[in-house]
Protein backbone atom coordinates (compact mmCIF):
# COMPACT_ATOMS: atom_id res chain seq x y z
CA UNK A 1 109.09 50.47 84.13
CA UNK A 2 107.94 52.29 80.99
CA UNK A 3 108.02 55.86 82.27
CA UNK A 4 111.36 55.56 84.14
CA UNK A 5 112.93 53.84 81.12
CA UNK A 6 111.81 56.48 78.62
CA UNK A 7 112.76 59.25 81.04
CA UNK A 8 116.23 57.74 81.47
CA UNK A 9 116.71 57.65 77.69
CA UNK A 10 115.79 61.32 77.58
CA UNK A 11 118.31 62.15 80.30
CA UNK A 12 121.04 60.20 78.50
CA UNK A 13 120.44 61.69 75.06
CA UNK A 14 120.19 65.31 76.24
CA UNK A 15 123.86 65.12 77.25
CA UNK A 16 125.15 62.32 75.02
CA UNK A 17 123.95 63.57 71.63
CA UNK A 18 125.18 67.17 72.03
CA UNK A 19 128.56 65.86 73.20
CA UNK A 20 128.83 63.71 70.07
CA UNK A 21 127.89 66.65 67.83
CA UNK A 22 130.57 68.73 69.49
CA UNK A 23 133.06 65.89 69.00
CA UNK A 24 132.26 65.70 65.29
CA UNK A 25 132.55 69.46 64.74
CA UNK A 26 135.60 70.03 66.93
CA UNK A 27 137.43 66.76 66.27
CA UNK A 28 140.50 68.51 64.83
CA UNK A 29 141.24 70.85 67.78
CA UNK A 30 140.30 68.14 70.30
CA UNK A 31 142.78 65.66 68.83
CA UNK A 32 145.42 68.36 68.51
CA UNK A 33 145.02 69.44 72.14
CA UNK A 34 144.78 65.99 73.73
CA UNK A 35 147.03 63.86 71.53
CA UNK A 36 149.22 66.24 69.55
CA UNK A 37 149.65 67.11 65.89
CA UNK A 38 151.09 63.69 65.07
CA UNK A 39 147.62 62.16 65.62
CA UNK A 40 145.66 64.45 63.31
CA UNK A 41 145.24 61.66 60.75
CA UNK A 42 142.72 59.99 63.08
CA UNK A 43 140.33 62.95 62.92
CA UNK A 44 138.15 61.47 60.11
CA UNK A 45 138.06 58.13 61.93
CA UNK A 46 136.97 59.84 65.13
CA UNK A 47 134.25 61.77 63.32
CA UNK A 48 132.83 58.65 61.65
CA UNK A 49 132.75 56.75 64.94
CA UNK A 50 131.12 59.71 66.70
CA UNK A 51 128.36 59.83 64.09
CA UNK A 52 127.80 56.08 64.41
CA UNK A 53 127.67 56.36 68.20
CA UNK A 54 124.43 58.35 68.04
CA UNK A 55 122.66 54.98 67.96
CA UNK A 56 124.38 53.67 71.09
CA UNK A 57 122.14 55.45 73.62
CA UNK A 58 119.73 52.59 74.50
CA UNK A 59 122.35 49.85 74.61
CA UNK A 60 123.84 50.98 77.92
CA UNK A 61 120.46 50.53 79.65
CA UNK A 62 119.59 47.13 78.17
CA UNK A 63 121.38 44.90 80.68
CA UNK A 64 120.30 46.72 83.88
CA UNK A 65 116.68 47.03 82.70
CA UNK A 66 116.34 43.38 81.68
CA UNK A 67 118.03 42.32 84.89
CA UNK A 68 115.65 44.50 86.90
CA UNK A 69 112.57 42.84 85.35
CA UNK A 70 113.98 39.35 85.87
CA UNK A 71 114.70 38.67 82.18
CA UNK A 72 118.25 37.47 82.60
CA UNK A 73 117.96 35.04 79.69
CA UNK A 74 116.94 37.81 77.31
CA UNK A 75 119.73 39.99 78.72
CA UNK A 76 122.35 37.41 77.77
CA UNK A 77 120.69 36.70 74.42
CA UNK A 78 120.52 40.38 73.46
CA UNK A 79 124.18 40.84 74.32
CA UNK A 80 125.14 37.70 72.41
CA UNK A 81 123.23 38.62 69.27
CA UNK A 82 124.43 42.23 69.22
CA UNK A 83 128.08 41.49 69.91
CA UNK A 84 128.40 38.43 67.67
CA UNK A 85 127.00 40.19 64.59
CA UNK A 86 129.11 43.27 65.32
CA UNK A 87 132.23 41.14 65.68
CA UNK A 88 131.63 39.46 62.31
CA UNK A 89 131.10 42.80 60.55
CA UNK A 90 134.12 44.38 62.23
CA UNK A 91 136.42 41.48 61.37
CA UNK A 92 135.18 41.52 57.79
CA UNK A 93 135.97 45.23 57.51
CA UNK A 94 139.40 44.89 59.12
CA UNK A 95 141.09 43.82 55.90
CA UNK A 96 140.05 47.11 54.26
CA UNK A 97 141.76 49.38 56.77
CA UNK A 98 141.01 51.48 59.83
CA UNK A 99 138.48 53.74 58.10
CA UNK A 100 136.49 50.73 56.97
CA UNK A 101 136.50 49.41 60.53
CA UNK A 102 135.23 52.76 61.77
CA UNK A 103 132.61 52.89 59.02
CA UNK A 104 131.39 49.43 60.04
CA UNK A 105 130.14 51.04 63.26
CA UNK A 106 127.55 52.86 61.15
CA UNK A 107 126.03 49.43 60.55
CA UNK A 108 126.72 47.62 63.81
CA UNK A 109 125.72 50.27 66.33
CA UNK A 110 122.26 50.91 64.82
CA UNK A 111 121.83 47.12 64.69
CA UNK A 112 122.65 46.86 68.39
CA UNK A 113 120.24 49.72 69.06
CA UNK A 114 117.39 47.87 67.32
CA UNK A 115 118.23 44.62 69.12
CA UNK A 116 118.32 46.38 72.49
CA UNK A 117 115.02 48.18 71.98
CA UNK A 118 113.28 45.04 70.72
CA UNK A 119 114.41 42.92 73.67
CA UNK A 120 113.55 45.62 76.21
CA UNK A 121 110.18 46.16 74.55
CA UNK A 122 109.27 42.54 75.25
CA UNK A 123 109.18 43.37 78.97
CA UNK A 124 108.78 47.16 79.07
CA UNK A 125 105.72 47.72 76.93
CA UNK A 126 106.16 51.09 75.23
CA UNK A 127 105.07 52.19 71.78
CA UNK A 128 107.48 53.46 69.18
CA UNK A 129 105.70 56.79 69.09
CA UNK A 130 106.15 57.05 72.86
CA UNK A 131 109.87 56.52 72.35
CA UNK A 132 109.94 59.29 69.73
CA UNK A 133 107.95 61.53 72.05
CA UNK A 134 110.55 60.99 74.75
CA UNK A 135 113.47 61.79 72.45
CA UNK A 136 112.35 64.70 70.28
CA UNK A 137 113.24 67.28 72.92
CA UNK A 138 116.76 65.87 73.14
CA UNK A 139 116.98 66.13 69.35
CA UNK A 140 116.01 69.81 69.52
CA UNK A 141 118.55 70.42 72.29
CA UNK A 142 121.19 68.72 70.14
CA UNK A 143 120.37 71.05 67.26
CA UNK A 144 120.56 74.06 69.56
CA UNK A 145 123.95 72.92 70.83
CA UNK A 146 125.26 72.46 67.29
CA UNK A 147 124.15 75.82 65.89
CA UNK A 148 126.93 77.91 67.44
CA UNK A 149 129.84 75.56 66.66
CA UNK A 150 128.60 75.13 63.09
CA UNK A 151 128.76 78.90 62.60
CA UNK A 152 132.27 79.04 64.06
CA UNK A 153 133.47 76.22 61.79
CA UNK A 154 131.77 77.78 58.76
CA UNK A 155 133.50 81.10 59.37
CA UNK A 156 136.94 79.48 59.52
CA UNK A 157 138.89 79.17 56.30
CA UNK A 158 140.12 75.59 56.63
CA UNK A 159 138.04 74.21 59.50
CA UNK A 160 141.15 73.87 61.66
CA UNK A 161 140.08 75.99 64.61
CA UNK A 162 142.45 77.82 66.90
CA UNK A 163 142.26 77.49 70.68
CA UNK A 164 140.32 80.75 70.90
CA UNK A 165 137.84 79.70 68.22
CA UNK A 166 137.43 76.32 69.88
CA UNK A 167 136.70 77.97 73.23
CA UNK A 168 134.13 80.23 71.57
CA UNK A 169 132.51 77.21 69.91
CA UNK A 170 132.28 75.37 73.24
CA UNK A 171 130.75 78.40 74.97
CA UNK A 172 128.21 78.83 72.18
CA UNK A 173 127.38 75.13 72.39
CA UNK A 174 126.74 75.45 76.12
CA UNK A 175 124.58 78.54 75.63
CA UNK A 176 122.63 76.84 72.83
CA UNK A 177 122.15 73.73 74.95
CA UNK A 178 120.76 75.72 77.87
CA UNK A 179 118.52 77.83 75.63
CA UNK A 180 117.09 74.74 73.93
CA UNK A 181 116.51 73.01 77.28
CA UNK A 182 114.57 76.05 78.50
CA UNK A 183 112.67 76.40 75.22
CA UNK A 184 111.55 72.75 75.08
CA UNK A 185 111.15 72.43 78.85
CA UNK A 186 113.15 69.24 78.71
CA UNK A 187 112.61 66.99 81.79
CA UNK A 188 116.26 67.47 82.72
CA UNK A 189 115.41 71.10 83.44
CA UNK A 190 113.56 70.09 86.59
CA UNK A 191 116.51 67.99 87.72
CA UNK A 192 118.85 70.92 87.15
CA UNK A 193 116.56 73.21 89.13
CA UNK A 194 116.46 70.76 92.02
CA UNK A 195 120.24 70.38 91.99
CA UNK A 196 120.73 74.15 91.82
CA UNK A 197 118.30 74.66 94.67
CA UNK A 198 120.10 72.17 96.86
CA UNK A 199 123.48 73.77 96.11
CA UNK A 200 122.17 77.25 96.91
CA UNK A 201 120.54 75.97 100.09
CA UNK A 202 123.76 74.31 101.17
CA UNK A 203 125.91 77.41 100.72
CA UNK A 204 123.32 79.83 102.07
CA UNK A 205 122.69 77.85 105.23
CA UNK A 206 123.85 79.94 108.23
CA UNK A 207 126.86 78.63 110.06
CA UNK A 208 126.17 77.72 113.68
CA UNK A 209 128.94 78.67 116.07
CA UNK A 210 129.50 76.05 118.71
CA UNK A 211 130.23 77.56 122.13
CA UNK A 212 132.01 75.33 124.58
CA UNK A 213 130.73 75.09 128.11
CA UNK A 214 132.56 74.20 131.26
CA UNK A 215 135.54 75.33 133.30
CA UNK A 216 137.90 75.54 130.33
CA UNK A 217 135.47 77.72 128.48
CA UNK A 218 135.17 80.07 131.46
CA UNK A 219 138.97 80.28 131.79
CA UNK A 220 139.27 81.00 128.10
CA UNK A 221 136.68 83.77 128.50
């Protein structure tokens, strides 16, 4: 289970981390486009929660992995420990306002990440350096995705990007993501090549014309 688990974490982070970076940098235009100008006050809250969510990547795999190896007891225990501590911290921060509740995620989500990795590691025996080796390429891809949008935001006067500037930032993020994937030869590159090959094969396959046989076909001829 070690290699599939580490590979799955790499596949998750190569999409998940760049998306979170883009959400942090473009939070203002995203909120303005999707929710309207009356919701712009939630932009800092969204940015804080997006930063905290960087640590969420292994949690989504904890339950299916532990269930797959027959460790249902540890699956329930990991969920119980992570959620109970997070609930206590969140309720304690609630009296200080919405921003404090969002900031509490900076504590609770990394805690859930550590709990998840520790419980999974009891059954999927990987080393911490192997985990880092499986994630460093995703970190580089994340940096490549962020480079373009950071330049666009830096060139703006107030950081409130227009629709055109936002579109440019998204395009640059996509170009940076692809360039970094090619540069690091991220494992997802092979999956993308396979998917592209299948799509090309599907559309380039010659169409076979079915010719009817029988009396009706002769009459039609």
